[in-house]
mmCIF file of all heavy atoms, coordinates in Angstrom:
data_MODEL
# 
_entry.id   MODEL 
# 
loop_
_atom_site.group_PDB 
_atom_site.id 
_atom_site.type_symbol 
_atom_site.label_atom_id 
_atom_site.label_alt_id 
_atom_site.label_comp_id 
_atom_site.label_asym_id 
_atom_site.label_entity_id 
_atom_site.label_seq_id 
_atom_site.pdbx_PDB_ins_code 
_atom_site.Cartn_x 
_atom_site.Cartn_y 
_atom_site.Cartn_z 
_atom_site.occupancy 
_atom_site.B_iso_or_equiv 
_atom_site.pdbx_formal_charge 
_atom_site.auth_seq_id 
_atom_site.auth_comp_id 
_atom_site.auth_asym_id 
_atom_site.auth_atom_id 
_atom_site.pdbx_PDB_model_num 
ATOM 1   N N   . GLU A 1 1  ? -28.888 87.117 3.222  1.00 0.00 ? 1  GLU A N   1 
ATOM 2   C CA  . GLU A 1 1  ? -27.804 86.378 3.882  1.00 0.00 ? 1  GLU A CA  1 
ATOM 3   C C   . GLU A 1 1  ? -27.529 84.993 3.273  1.00 0.00 ? 1  GLU A C   1 
ATOM 4   O O   . GLU A 1 1  ? -26.434 84.459 3.441  1.00 0.00 ? 1  GLU A O   1 
ATOM 5   C CB  . GLU A 1 1  ? -28.086 86.219 5.408  1.00 0.00 ? 1  GLU A CB  1 
ATOM 6   C CG  . GLU A 1 1  ? -29.334 85.450 5.740  1.00 0.00 ? 1  GLU A CG  1 
ATOM 7   C CD  . GLU A 1 1  ? -30.573 86.275 5.843  1.00 0.00 ? 1  GLU A CD  1 
ATOM 8   O OE1 . GLU A 1 1  ? -30.535 87.494 5.608  1.00 0.00 ? 1  GLU A OE1 1 
ATOM 9   O OE2 . GLU A 1 1  ? -31.632 85.726 6.216  1.00 0.00 ? 1  GLU A OE2 1 
ATOM 10  N N   . PHE A 1 2  ? -28.461 84.514 2.504  1.00 0.00 ? 2  PHE A N   1 
ATOM 11  C CA  . PHE A 1 2  ? -28.234 83.263 1.832  1.00 0.00 ? 2  PHE A CA  1 
ATOM 12  C C   . PHE A 1 2  ? -27.236 83.394 0.684  1.00 0.00 ? 2  PHE A C   1 
ATOM 13  O O   . PHE A 1 2  ? -26.613 82.438 0.243  1.00 0.00 ? 2  PHE A O   1 
ATOM 14  C CB  . PHE A 1 2  ? -29.536 82.650 1.310  1.00 0.00 ? 2  PHE A CB  1 
ATOM 15  C CG  . PHE A 1 2  ? -30.498 82.263 2.409  1.00 0.00 ? 2  PHE A CG  1 
ATOM 16  C CD1 . PHE A 1 2  ? -31.726 82.882 2.542  1.00 0.00 ? 2  PHE A CD1 1 
ATOM 17  C CD2 . PHE A 1 2  ? -30.132 81.324 3.363  1.00 0.00 ? 2  PHE A CD2 1 
ATOM 18  C CE1 . PHE A 1 2  ? -32.593 82.566 3.572  1.00 0.00 ? 2  PHE A CE1 1 
ATOM 19  C CE2 . PHE A 1 2  ? -30.990 80.975 4.384  1.00 0.00 ? 2  PHE A CE2 1 
ATOM 20  C CZ  . PHE A 1 2  ? -32.231 81.587 4.499  1.00 0.00 ? 2  PHE A CZ  1 
ATOM 21  N N   . LEU A 1 3  ? -27.071 84.604 0.177  1.00 0.00 ? 3  LEU A N   1 
ATOM 22  C CA  . LEU A 1 3  ? -26.098 84.872 -0.886 1.00 0.00 ? 3  LEU A CA  1 
ATOM 23  C C   . LEU A 1 3  ? -24.709 85.235 -0.358 1.00 0.00 ? 3  LEU A C   1 
ATOM 24  O O   . LEU A 1 3  ? -23.761 85.366 -1.105 1.00 0.00 ? 3  LEU A O   1 
ATOM 25  C CB  . LEU A 1 3  ? -26.595 86.012 -1.779 1.00 0.00 ? 3  LEU A CB  1 
ATOM 26  C CG  . LEU A 1 3  ? -27.847 85.755 -2.635 1.00 0.00 ? 3  LEU A CG  1 
ATOM 27  C CD1 . LEU A 1 3  ? -28.246 86.994 -3.359 1.00 0.00 ? 3  LEU A CD1 1 
ATOM 28  C CD2 . LEU A 1 3  ? -27.530 84.610 -3.614 1.00 0.00 ? 3  LEU A CD2 1 
ATOM 29  N N   . LEU A 1 4  ? -24.613 85.356 0.962  1.00 0.00 ? 4  LEU A N   1 
ATOM 30  C CA  . LEU A 1 4  ? -23.319 85.737 1.559  1.00 0.00 ? 4  LEU A CA  1 
ATOM 31  C C   . LEU A 1 4  ? -22.174 84.758 1.224  1.00 0.00 ? 4  LEU A C   1 
ATOM 32  O O   . LEU A 1 4  ? -21.087 85.230 0.827  1.00 0.00 ? 4  LEU A O   1 
ATOM 33  C CB  . LEU A 1 4  ? -23.471 85.900 3.058  1.00 0.00 ? 4  LEU A CB  1 
ATOM 34  C CG  . LEU A 1 4  ? -22.239 86.378 3.805  1.00 0.00 ? 4  LEU A CG  1 
ATOM 35  C CD1 . LEU A 1 4  ? -21.838 87.759 3.313  1.00 0.00 ? 4  LEU A CD1 1 
ATOM 36  C CD2 . LEU A 1 4  ? -22.493 86.406 5.298  1.00 0.00 ? 4  LEU A CD2 1 
ATOM 37  N N   . PRO A 1 5  ? -22.388 83.480 1.277  1.00 0.00 ? 5  PRO A N   1 
ATOM 38  C CA  . PRO A 1 5  ? -21.289 82.548 0.899  1.00 0.00 ? 5  PRO A CA  1 
ATOM 39  C C   . PRO A 1 5  ? -20.825 82.738 -0.544 1.00 0.00 ? 5  PRO A C   1 
ATOM 40  O O   . PRO A 1 5  ? -19.666 82.621 -0.833 1.00 0.00 ? 5  PRO A O   1 
ATOM 41  C CB  . PRO A 1 5  ? -21.877 81.146 1.121  1.00 0.00 ? 5  PRO A CB  1 
ATOM 42  C CG  . PRO A 1 5  ? -22.976 81.358 2.075  1.00 0.00 ? 5  PRO A CG  1 
ATOM 43  C CD  . PRO A 1 5  ? -23.514 82.706 1.857  1.00 0.00 ? 5  PRO A CD  1 
ATOM 44  N N   . VAL A 1 6  ? -21.754 83.045 -1.428 1.00 0.00 ? 6  VAL A N   1 
ATOM 45  C CA  . VAL A 1 6  ? -21.408 83.262 -2.848 1.00 0.00 ? 6  VAL A CA  1 
ATOM 46  C C   . VAL A 1 6  ? -20.542 84.504 -2.959 1.00 0.00 ? 6  VAL A C   1 
ATOM 47  O O   . VAL A 1 6  ? -19.484 84.482 -3.624 1.00 0.00 ? 6  VAL A O   1 
ATOM 48  C CB  . VAL A 1 6  ? -22.708 83.393 -3.734 1.00 0.00 ? 6  VAL A CB  1 
ATOM 49  C CG1 . VAL A 1 6  ? -22.348 83.784 -5.164 1.00 0.00 ? 6  VAL A CG1 1 
ATOM 50  C CG2 . VAL A 1 6  ? -23.523 82.144 -3.661 1.00 0.00 ? 6  VAL A CG2 1 
ATOM 51  N N   . PHE A 1 7  ? -20.904 85.573 -2.344 1.00 0.00 ? 7  PHE A N   1 
ATOM 52  C CA  . PHE A 1 7  ? -20.131 86.831 -2.390 1.00 0.00 ? 7  PHE A CA  1 
ATOM 53  C C   . PHE A 1 7  ? -18.801 86.682 -1.734 1.00 0.00 ? 7  PHE A C   1 
ATOM 54  O O   . PHE A 1 7  ? -17.807 87.242 -2.119 1.00 0.00 ? 7  PHE A O   1 
ATOM 55  C CB  . PHE A 1 7  ? -20.931 88.008 -1.792 1.00 0.00 ? 7  PHE A CB  1 
ATOM 56  C CG  . PHE A 1 7  ? -21.908 88.582 -2.766 1.00 0.00 ? 7  PHE A CG  1 
ATOM 57  C CD1 . PHE A 1 7  ? -23.191 88.110 -2.854 1.00 0.00 ? 7  PHE A CD1 1 
ATOM 58  C CD2 . PHE A 1 7  ? -21.528 89.627 -3.618 1.00 0.00 ? 7  PHE A CD2 1 
ATOM 59  C CE1 . PHE A 1 7  ? -24.118 88.627 -3.754 1.00 0.00 ? 7  PHE A CE1 1 
ATOM 60  C CE2 . PHE A 1 7  ? -22.413 90.162 -4.515 1.00 0.00 ? 7  PHE A CE2 1 
ATOM 61  C CZ  . PHE A 1 7  ? -23.692 89.645 -4.583 1.00 0.00 ? 7  PHE A CZ  1 
ATOM 62  N N   . LEU A 1 8  ? -18.740 85.878 -0.637 1.00 0.00 ? 8  LEU A N   1 
ATOM 63  C CA  . LEU A 1 8  ? -17.452 85.630 -0.005 1.00 0.00 ? 8  LEU A CA  1 
ATOM 64  C C   . LEU A 1 8  ? -16.520 84.837 -0.866 1.00 0.00 ? 8  LEU A C   1 
ATOM 65  O O   . LEU A 1 8  ? -15.297 84.991 -0.799 1.00 0.00 ? 8  LEU A O   1 
ATOM 66  C CB  . LEU A 1 8  ? -17.640 84.934 1.371  1.00 0.00 ? 8  LEU A CB  1 
ATOM 67  C CG  . LEU A 1 8  ? -18.253 85.828 2.467  1.00 0.00 ? 8  LEU A CG  1 
ATOM 68  C CD1 . LEU A 1 8  ? -18.460 84.999 3.705  1.00 0.00 ? 8  LEU A CD1 1 
ATOM 69  C CD2 . LEU A 1 8  ? -17.369 87.010 2.746  1.00 0.00 ? 8  LEU A CD2 1 
ATOM 70  N N   . LYS A 1 9  ? -17.072 83.973 -1.687 1.00 0.00 ? 9  LYS A N   1 
ATOM 71  C CA  . LYS A 1 9  ? -16.238 83.208 -2.642 1.00 0.00 ? 9  LYS A CA  1 
ATOM 72  C C   . LYS A 1 9  ? -15.691 84.160 -3.687 1.00 0.00 ? 9  LYS A C   1 
ATOM 73  O O   . LYS A 1 9  ? -14.586 84.066 -4.137 1.00 0.00 ? 9  LYS A O   1 
ATOM 74  C CB  . LYS A 1 9  ? -17.063 82.118 -3.321 1.00 0.00 ? 9  LYS A CB  1 
ATOM 75  C CG  . LYS A 1 9  ? -16.921 80.730 -2.904 1.00 0.00 ? 9  LYS A CG  1 
ATOM 76  C CD  . LYS A 1 9  ? -15.556 80.286 -2.592 1.00 0.00 ? 9  LYS A CD  1 
ATOM 77  C CE  . LYS A 1 9  ? -15.519 78.788 -2.493 1.00 0.00 ? 9  LYS A CE  1 
ATOM 78  N NZ  . LYS A 1 9  ? -14.411 78.301 -1.762 1.00 0.00 ? 9  LYS A NZ  1 
ATOM 79  N N   . LEU A 1 10 ? -16.543 85.103 -4.183 1.00 0.00 ? 10 LEU A N   1 
ATOM 80  C CA  . LEU A 1 10 ? -16.136 86.004 -5.214 1.00 0.00 ? 10 LEU A CA  1 
ATOM 81  C C   . LEU A 1 10 ? -15.218 87.124 -4.667 1.00 0.00 ? 10 LEU A C   1 
ATOM 82  O O   . LEU A 1 10 ? -14.261 87.511 -5.358 1.00 0.00 ? 10 LEU A O   1 
ATOM 83  C CB  . LEU A 1 10 ? -17.401 86.680 -5.855 1.00 0.00 ? 10 LEU A CB  1 
ATOM 84  C CG  . LEU A 1 10 ? -18.315 85.750 -6.624 1.00 0.00 ? 10 LEU A CG  1 
ATOM 85  C CD1 . LEU A 1 10 ? -19.577 86.477 -7.065 1.00 0.00 ? 10 LEU A CD1 1 
ATOM 86  C CD2 . LEU A 1 10 ? -17.601 85.173 -7.826 1.00 0.00 ? 10 LEU A CD2 1 
ATOM 87  N N   . PHE A 1 11 ? -15.520 87.589 -3.483 1.00 0.00 ? 11 PHE A N   1 
ATOM 88  C CA  . PHE A 1 11 ? -14.725 88.670 -2.899 1.00 0.00 ? 11 PHE A CA  1 
ATOM 89  C C   . PHE A 1 11 ? -14.253 88.261 -1.498 1.00 0.00 ? 11 PHE A C   1 
ATOM 90  O O   . PHE A 1 11 ? -14.863 88.605 -0.472 1.00 0.00 ? 11 PHE A O   1 
ATOM 91  C CB  . PHE A 1 11 ? -15.561 89.954 -2.760 1.00 0.00 ? 11 PHE A CB  1 
ATOM 92  C CG  . PHE A 1 11 ? -16.264 90.376 -4.042 1.00 0.00 ? 11 PHE A CG  1 
ATOM 93  C CD1 . PHE A 1 11 ? -17.601 90.198 -4.221 1.00 0.00 ? 11 PHE A CD1 1 
ATOM 94  C CD2 . PHE A 1 11 ? -15.480 90.949 -5.039 1.00 0.00 ? 11 PHE A CD2 1 
ATOM 95  C CE1 . PHE A 1 11 ? -18.232 90.551 -5.392 1.00 0.00 ? 11 PHE A CE1 1 
ATOM 96  C CE2 . PHE A 1 11 ? -16.096 91.338 -6.204 1.00 0.00 ? 11 PHE A CE2 1 
ATOM 97  C CZ  . PHE A 1 11 ? -17.458 91.157 -6.417 1.00 0.00 ? 11 PHE A CZ  1 
ATOM 98  N N   . PRO A 1 12 ? -13.150 87.519 -1.407 1.00 0.00 ? 12 PRO A N   1 
ATOM 99  C CA  . PRO A 1 12 ? -12.719 86.988 -0.137 1.00 0.00 ? 12 PRO A CA  1 
ATOM 100 C C   . PRO A 1 12 ? -12.288 88.034 0.902  1.00 0.00 ? 12 PRO A C   1 
ATOM 101 O O   . PRO A 1 12 ? -12.342 87.772 2.090  1.00 0.00 ? 12 PRO A O   1 
ATOM 102 C CB  . PRO A 1 12 ? -11.547 86.061 -0.464 1.00 0.00 ? 12 PRO A CB  1 
ATOM 103 C CG  . PRO A 1 12 ? -11.203 86.369 -1.876 1.00 0.00 ? 12 PRO A CG  1 
ATOM 104 C CD  . PRO A 1 12 ? -12.324 87.111 -2.518 1.00 0.00 ? 12 PRO A CD  1 
ATOM 105 N N   . GLN A 1 13 ? -11.925 89.234 0.430  1.00 0.00 ? 13 GLN A N   1 
ATOM 106 C CA  . GLN A 1 13 ? -11.496 90.252 1.371  1.00 0.00 ? 13 GLN A CA  1 
ATOM 107 C C   . GLN A 1 13 ? -12.631 91.189 1.855  1.00 0.00 ? 13 GLN A C   1 
ATOM 108 O O   . GLN A 1 13 ? -12.406 92.231 2.376  1.00 0.00 ? 13 GLN A O   1 
ATOM 109 C CB  . GLN A 1 13 ? -10.391 91.128 0.702  1.00 0.00 ? 13 GLN A CB  1 
ATOM 110 C CG  . GLN A 1 13 ? -9.156  90.393 0.313  1.00 0.00 ? 13 GLN A CG  1 
ATOM 111 C CD  . GLN A 1 13 ? -8.464  89.826 1.566  1.00 0.00 ? 13 GLN A CD  1 
ATOM 112 O OE1 . GLN A 1 13 ? -8.438  90.432 2.625  1.00 0.00 ? 13 GLN A OE1 1 
ATOM 113 N NE2 . GLN A 1 13 ? -7.907  88.651 1.392  1.00 0.00 ? 13 GLN A NE2 1 
ATOM 114 N N   . MET A 1 14 ? -13.869 90.735 1.607  1.00 0.00 ? 14 MET A N   1 
ATOM 115 C CA  . MET A 1 14 ? -15.020 91.557 1.928  1.00 0.00 ? 14 MET A CA  1 
ATOM 116 C C   . MET A 1 14 ? -15.261 91.657 3.442  1.00 0.00 ? 14 MET A C   1 
ATOM 117 O O   . MET A 1 14 ? -15.640 92.703 3.937  1.00 0.00 ? 14 MET A O   1 
ATOM 118 C CB  . MET A 1 14 ? -16.284 91.012 1.251  1.00 0.00 ? 14 MET A CB  1 
ATOM 119 C CG  . MET A 1 14 ? -17.454 91.910 1.378  1.00 0.00 ? 14 MET A CG  1 
ATOM 120 S SD  . MET A 1 14 ? -18.863 91.320 0.444  1.00 0.00 ? 14 MET A SD  1 
ATOM 121 C CE  . MET A 1 14 ? -19.676 90.359 1.654  1.00 0.00 ? 14 MET A CE  1 
ATOM 122 N N   . LEU A 1 15 ? -15.001 90.578 4.160  1.00 0.00 ? 15 LEU A N   1 
ATOM 123 C CA  . LEU A 1 15 ? -15.229 90.574 5.577  1.00 0.00 ? 15 LEU A CA  1 
ATOM 124 C C   . LEU A 1 15 ? -14.101 91.294 6.324  1.00 0.00 ? 15 LEU A C   1 
ATOM 125 O O   . LEU A 1 15 ? -12.958 91.273 5.901  1.00 0.00 ? 15 LEU A O   1 
ATOM 126 C CB  . LEU A 1 15 ? -15.354 89.129 6.129  1.00 0.00 ? 15 LEU A CB  1 
ATOM 127 C CG  . LEU A 1 15 ? -16.619 88.434 5.827  1.00 0.00 ? 15 LEU A CG  1 
ATOM 128 C CD1 . LEU A 1 15 ? -16.535 87.018 6.388  1.00 0.00 ? 15 LEU A CD1 1 
ATOM 129 C CD2 . LEU A 1 15 ? -17.788 89.138 6.437  1.00 0.00 ? 15 LEU A CD2 1 
ATOM 130 N N   . PRO A 1 16 ? -14.404 91.949 7.449  1.00 0.00 ? 16 PRO A N   1 
ATOM 131 C CA  . PRO A 1 16 ? -13.356 92.559 8.242  1.00 0.00 ? 16 PRO A CA  1 
ATOM 132 C C   . PRO A 1 16 ? -12.363 91.530 8.766  1.00 0.00 ? 16 PRO A C   1 
ATOM 133 O O   . PRO A 1 16 ? -12.657 90.348 8.835  1.00 0.00 ? 16 PRO A O   1 
ATOM 134 C CB  . PRO A 1 16 ? -14.151 93.194 9.399  1.00 0.00 ? 16 PRO A CB  1 
ATOM 135 C CG  . PRO A 1 16 ? -15.518 93.367 8.885  1.00 0.00 ? 16 PRO A CG  1 
ATOM 136 C CD  . PRO A 1 16 ? -15.725 92.268 7.948  1.00 0.00 ? 16 PRO A CD  1 
ATOM 137 N N   . SER A 1 17 ? -11.203 91.988 9.165  1.00 0.00 ? 17 SER A N   1 
ATOM 138 C CA  . SER A 1 17 ? -10.132 91.088 9.588  1.00 0.00 ? 17 SER A CA  1 
ATOM 139 C C   . SER A 1 17 ? -10.442 90.327 10.852 1.00 0.00 ? 17 SER A C   1 
ATOM 140 O O   . SER A 1 17 ? -9.896  89.263 11.123 1.00 0.00 ? 17 SER A O   1 
ATOM 141 C CB  . SER A 1 17 ? -8.826  91.849 9.783  1.00 0.00 ? 17 SER A CB  1 
ATOM 142 O OG  . SER A 1 17 ? -8.981  92.795 10.833 1.00 0.00 ? 17 SER A OG  1 
ATOM 143 N N   . THR A 1 18 ? -11.422 90.810 11.652 1.00 0.00 ? 18 THR A N   1 
ATOM 144 C CA  . THR A 1 18 ? -11.746 90.147 12.877 1.00 0.00 ? 18 THR A CA  1 
ATOM 145 C C   . THR A 1 18 ? -12.535 88.822 12.607 1.00 0.00 ? 18 THR A C   1 
ATOM 146 O O   . THR A 1 18 ? -12.653 87.975 13.478 1.00 0.00 ? 18 THR A O   1 
ATOM 147 C CB  . THR A 1 18 ? -12.605 91.006 13.774 1.00 0.00 ? 18 THR A CB  1 
ATOM 148 O OG1 . THR A 1 18 ? -13.762 91.499 13.069 1.00 0.00 ? 18 THR A OG1 1 
ATOM 149 C CG2 . THR A 1 18 ? -11.800 92.188 14.300 1.00 0.00 ? 18 THR A CG2 1 
ATOM 150 N N   . PHE A 1 19 ? -13.018 88.659 11.370 1.00 0.00 ? 19 PHE A N   1 
ATOM 151 C CA  . PHE A 1 19 ? -13.750 87.460 10.998 1.00 0.00 ? 19 PHE A CA  1 
ATOM 152 C C   . PHE A 1 19 ? -12.834 86.421 10.336 1.00 0.00 ? 19 PHE A C   1 
ATOM 153 O O   . PHE A 1 19 ? -13.317 85.404 9.837  1.00 0.00 ? 19 PHE A O   1 
ATOM 154 C CB  . PHE A 1 19 ? -14.877 87.785 10.048 1.00 0.00 ? 19 PHE A CB  1 
ATOM 155 C CG  . PHE A 1 19 ? -15.982 88.580 10.700 1.00 0.00 ? 19 PHE A CG  1 
ATOM 156 C CD1 . PHE A 1 19 ? -15.952 89.947 10.705 1.00 0.00 ? 19 PHE A CD1 1 
ATOM 157 C CD2 . PHE A 1 19 ? -17.049 87.948 11.324 1.00 0.00 ? 19 PHE A CD2 1 
ATOM 158 C CE1 . PHE A 1 19 ? -16.911 90.693 11.279 1.00 0.00 ? 19 PHE A CE1 1 
ATOM 159 C CE2 . PHE A 1 19 ? -18.044 88.690 11.930 1.00 0.00 ? 19 PHE A CE2 1 
ATOM 160 C CZ  . PHE A 1 19 ? -17.989 90.065 11.896 1.00 0.00 ? 19 PHE A CZ  1 
ATOM 161 N N   . GLU A 1 20 ? -11.582 86.655 10.309 1.00 0.00 ? 20 GLU A N   1 
ATOM 162 C CA  . GLU A 1 20 ? -10.632 85.792 9.635  1.00 0.00 ? 20 GLU A CA  1 
ATOM 163 C C   . GLU A 1 20 ? -10.340 84.529 10.494 1.00 0.00 ? 20 GLU A C   1 
ATOM 164 O O   . GLU A 1 20 ? -10.144 84.630 11.709 1.00 0.00 ? 20 GLU A O   1 
ATOM 165 C CB  . GLU A 1 20 ? -9.304  86.555 9.426  1.00 0.00 ? 20 GLU A CB  1 
ATOM 166 C CG  . GLU A 1 20 ? -8.400  85.953 8.425  1.00 0.00 ? 20 GLU A CG  1 
ATOM 167 C CD  . GLU A 1 20 ? -7.234  86.897 8.186  1.00 0.00 ? 20 GLU A CD  1 
ATOM 168 O OE1 . GLU A 1 20 ? -6.390  87.047 9.052  1.00 0.00 ? 20 GLU A OE1 1 
ATOM 169 O OE2 . GLU A 1 20 ? -7.221  87.477 7.102  1.00 0.00 ? 20 GLU A OE2 1 
ATOM 170 N N   . THR A 1 21 ? -10.394 83.380 9.870  1.00 0.00 ? 21 THR A N   1 
ATOM 171 C CA  . THR A 1 21 ? -10.120 82.118 10.572 1.00 0.00 ? 21 THR A CA  1 
ATOM 172 C C   . THR A 1 21 ? -8.596  81.930 10.674 1.00 0.00 ? 21 THR A C   1 
ATOM 173 O O   . THR A 1 21 ? -7.803  82.508 9.913  1.00 0.00 ? 21 THR A O   1 
ATOM 174 C CB  . THR A 1 21 ? -10.764 80.919 9.895  1.00 0.00 ? 21 THR A CB  1 
ATOM 175 O OG1 . THR A 1 21 ? -10.215 80.812 8.581  1.00 0.00 ? 21 THR A OG1 1 
ATOM 176 C CG2 . THR A 1 21 ? -12.268 81.081 9.824  1.00 0.00 ? 21 THR A CG2 1 
ATOM 177 N N   . GLU A 1 22 ? -8.213  81.068 11.562 1.00 0.00 ? 22 GLU A N   1 
ATOM 178 C CA  . GLU A 1 22 ? -6.786  80.767 11.777 1.00 0.00 ? 22 GLU A CA  1 
ATOM 179 C C   . GLU A 1 22 ? -6.150  80.169 10.514 1.00 0.00 ? 22 GLU A C   1 
ATOM 180 O O   . GLU A 1 22 ? -5.037  80.493 10.142 1.00 0.00 ? 22 GLU A O   1 
ATOM 181 C CB  . GLU A 1 22 ? -6.595  79.813 12.958 1.00 0.00 ? 22 GLU A CB  1 
ATOM 182 C CG  . GLU A 1 22 ? -5.181  79.642 13.379 1.00 0.00 ? 22 GLU A CG  1 
ATOM 183 C CD  . GLU A 1 22 ? -4.543  80.921 13.926 1.00 0.00 ? 22 GLU A CD  1 
ATOM 184 O OE1 . GLU A 1 22 ? -5.282  81.745 14.544 1.00 0.00 ? 22 GLU A OE1 1 
ATOM 185 O OE2 . GLU A 1 22 ? -3.348  81.102 13.730 1.00 0.00 ? 22 GLU A OE2 1 
ATOM 186 N N   . SER A 1 23 ? -6.876  79.300 9.827  1.00 0.00 ? 23 SER A N   1 
ATOM 187 C CA  . SER A 1 23 ? -6.322  78.638 8.635  1.00 0.00 ? 23 SER A CA  1 
ATOM 188 C C   . SER A 1 23 ? -6.062  79.675 7.528  1.00 0.00 ? 23 SER A C   1 
ATOM 189 O O   . SER A 1 23 ? -5.045  79.589 6.838  1.00 0.00 ? 23 SER A O   1 
ATOM 190 C CB  . SER A 1 23 ? -7.219  77.547 8.133  1.00 0.00 ? 23 SER A CB  1 
ATOM 191 O OG  . SER A 1 23 ? -8.491  78.077 7.809  1.00 0.00 ? 23 SER A OG  1 
ATOM 192 N N   . LYS A 1 24 ? -6.944  80.622 7.366  1.00 0.00 ? 24 LYS A N   1 
ATOM 193 C CA  . LYS A 1 24 ? -6.766  81.649 6.331  1.00 0.00 ? 24 LYS A CA  1 
ATOM 194 C C   . LYS A 1 24 ? -5.599  82.554 6.703  1.00 0.00 ? 24 LYS A C   1 
ATOM 195 O O   . LYS A 1 24 ? -4.837  83.005 5.846  1.00 0.00 ? 24 LYS A O   1 
ATOM 196 C CB  . LYS A 1 24 ? -8.036  82.467 6.163  1.00 0.00 ? 24 LYS A CB  1 
ATOM 197 C CG  . LYS A 1 24 ? -9.144  81.719 5.460  1.00 0.00 ? 24 LYS A CG  1 
ATOM 198 C CD  . LYS A 1 24 ? -10.218 82.583 5.020  1.00 0.00 ? 24 LYS A CD  1 
ATOM 199 C CE  . LYS A 1 24 ? -11.263 81.726 4.359  1.00 0.00 ? 24 LYS A CE  1 
ATOM 200 N NZ  . LYS A 1 24 ? -11.941 82.318 3.287  1.00 0.00 ? 24 LYS A NZ  1 
ATOM 201 N N   . ARG A 1 25 ? -5.464  82.840 8.010  1.00 0.00 ? 25 ARG A N   1 
ATOM 202 C CA  . ARG A 1 25 ? -4.371  83.681 8.447  1.00 0.00 ? 25 ARG A CA  1 
ATOM 203 C C   . ARG A 1 25 ? -3.014  82.967 8.189  1.00 0.00 ? 25 ARG A C   1 
ATOM 204 O O   . ARG A 1 25 ? -2.060  83.570 7.709  1.00 0.00 ? 25 ARG A O   1 
ATOM 205 C CB  . ARG A 1 25 ? -4.506  83.977 9.943  1.00 0.00 ? 25 ARG A CB  1 
ATOM 206 C CG  . ARG A 1 25 ? -3.589  85.019 10.472 1.00 0.00 ? 25 ARG A CG  1 
ATOM 207 C CD  . ARG A 1 25 ? -3.817  85.399 11.902 1.00 0.00 ? 25 ARG A CD  1 
ATOM 208 N NE  . ARG A 1 25 ? -5.190  85.909 12.040 1.00 0.00 ? 25 ARG A NE  1 
ATOM 209 C CZ  . ARG A 1 25 ? -6.088  85.506 12.943 1.00 0.00 ? 25 ARG A CZ  1 
ATOM 210 N NH1 . ARG A 1 25 ? -5.742  84.572 13.812 1.00 0.00 ? 25 ARG A NH1 1 
ATOM 211 N NH2 . ARG A 1 25 ? -7.275  86.036 12.990 1.00 0.00 ? 25 ARG A NH2 1 
ATOM 212 N N   . GLU A 1 26 ? -2.973  81.649 8.481  1.00 0.00 ? 26 GLU A N   1 
ATOM 213 C CA  . GLU A 1 26 ? -1.746  80.915 8.234  1.00 0.00 ? 26 GLU A CA  1 
ATOM 214 C C   . GLU A 1 26 ? -1.453  80.826 6.708  1.00 0.00 ? 26 GLU A C   1 
ATOM 215 O O   . GLU A 1 26 ? -0.305  80.901 6.323  1.00 0.00 ? 26 GLU A O   1 
ATOM 216 C CB  . GLU A 1 26 ? -1.878  79.489 8.772  1.00 0.00 ? 26 GLU A CB  1 
ATOM 217 C CG  . GLU A 1 26 ? -1.793  79.432 10.296 1.00 0.00 ? 26 GLU A CG  1 
ATOM 218 C CD  . GLU A 1 26 ? -2.005  78.038 10.845 1.00 0.00 ? 26 GLU A CD  1 
ATOM 219 O OE1 . GLU A 1 26 ? -2.202  77.117 10.068 1.00 0.00 ? 26 GLU A OE1 1 
ATOM 220 O OE2 . GLU A 1 26 ? -1.964  77.897 12.101 1.00 0.00 ? 26 GLU A OE2 1 
ATOM 221 N N   . GLU A 1 27 ? -2.482  80.696 5.909  1.00 0.00 ? 27 GLU A N   1 
ATOM 222 C CA  . GLU A 1 27 ? -2.296  80.657 4.459  1.00 0.00 ? 27 GLU A CA  1 
ATOM 223 C C   . GLU A 1 27 ? -1.696  81.947 3.948  1.00 0.00 ? 27 GLU A C   1 
ATOM 224 O O   . GLU A 1 27 ? -0.808  81.923 3.088  1.00 0.00 ? 27 GLU A O   1 
ATOM 225 C CB  . GLU A 1 27 ? -3.628  80.340 3.787  1.00 0.00 ? 27 GLU A CB  1 
ATOM 226 C CG  . GLU A 1 27 ? -3.512  80.189 2.278  1.00 0.00 ? 27 GLU A CG  1 
ATOM 227 C CD  . GLU A 1 27 ? -4.859  79.883 1.660  1.00 0.00 ? 27 GLU A CD  1 
ATOM 228 O OE1 . GLU A 1 27 ? -5.719  79.258 2.295  1.00 0.00 ? 27 GLU A OE1 1 
ATOM 229 O OE2 . GLU A 1 27 ? -5.100  80.297 0.489  1.00 0.00 ? 27 GLU A OE2 1 
# 
């Protein structure tokens, strides 16, 4: 889980849509 932020930076669409923040949705 410590590598999760690295993978999220590399693959931003990896998380399901329910984990999307409001700022990313607006972007």
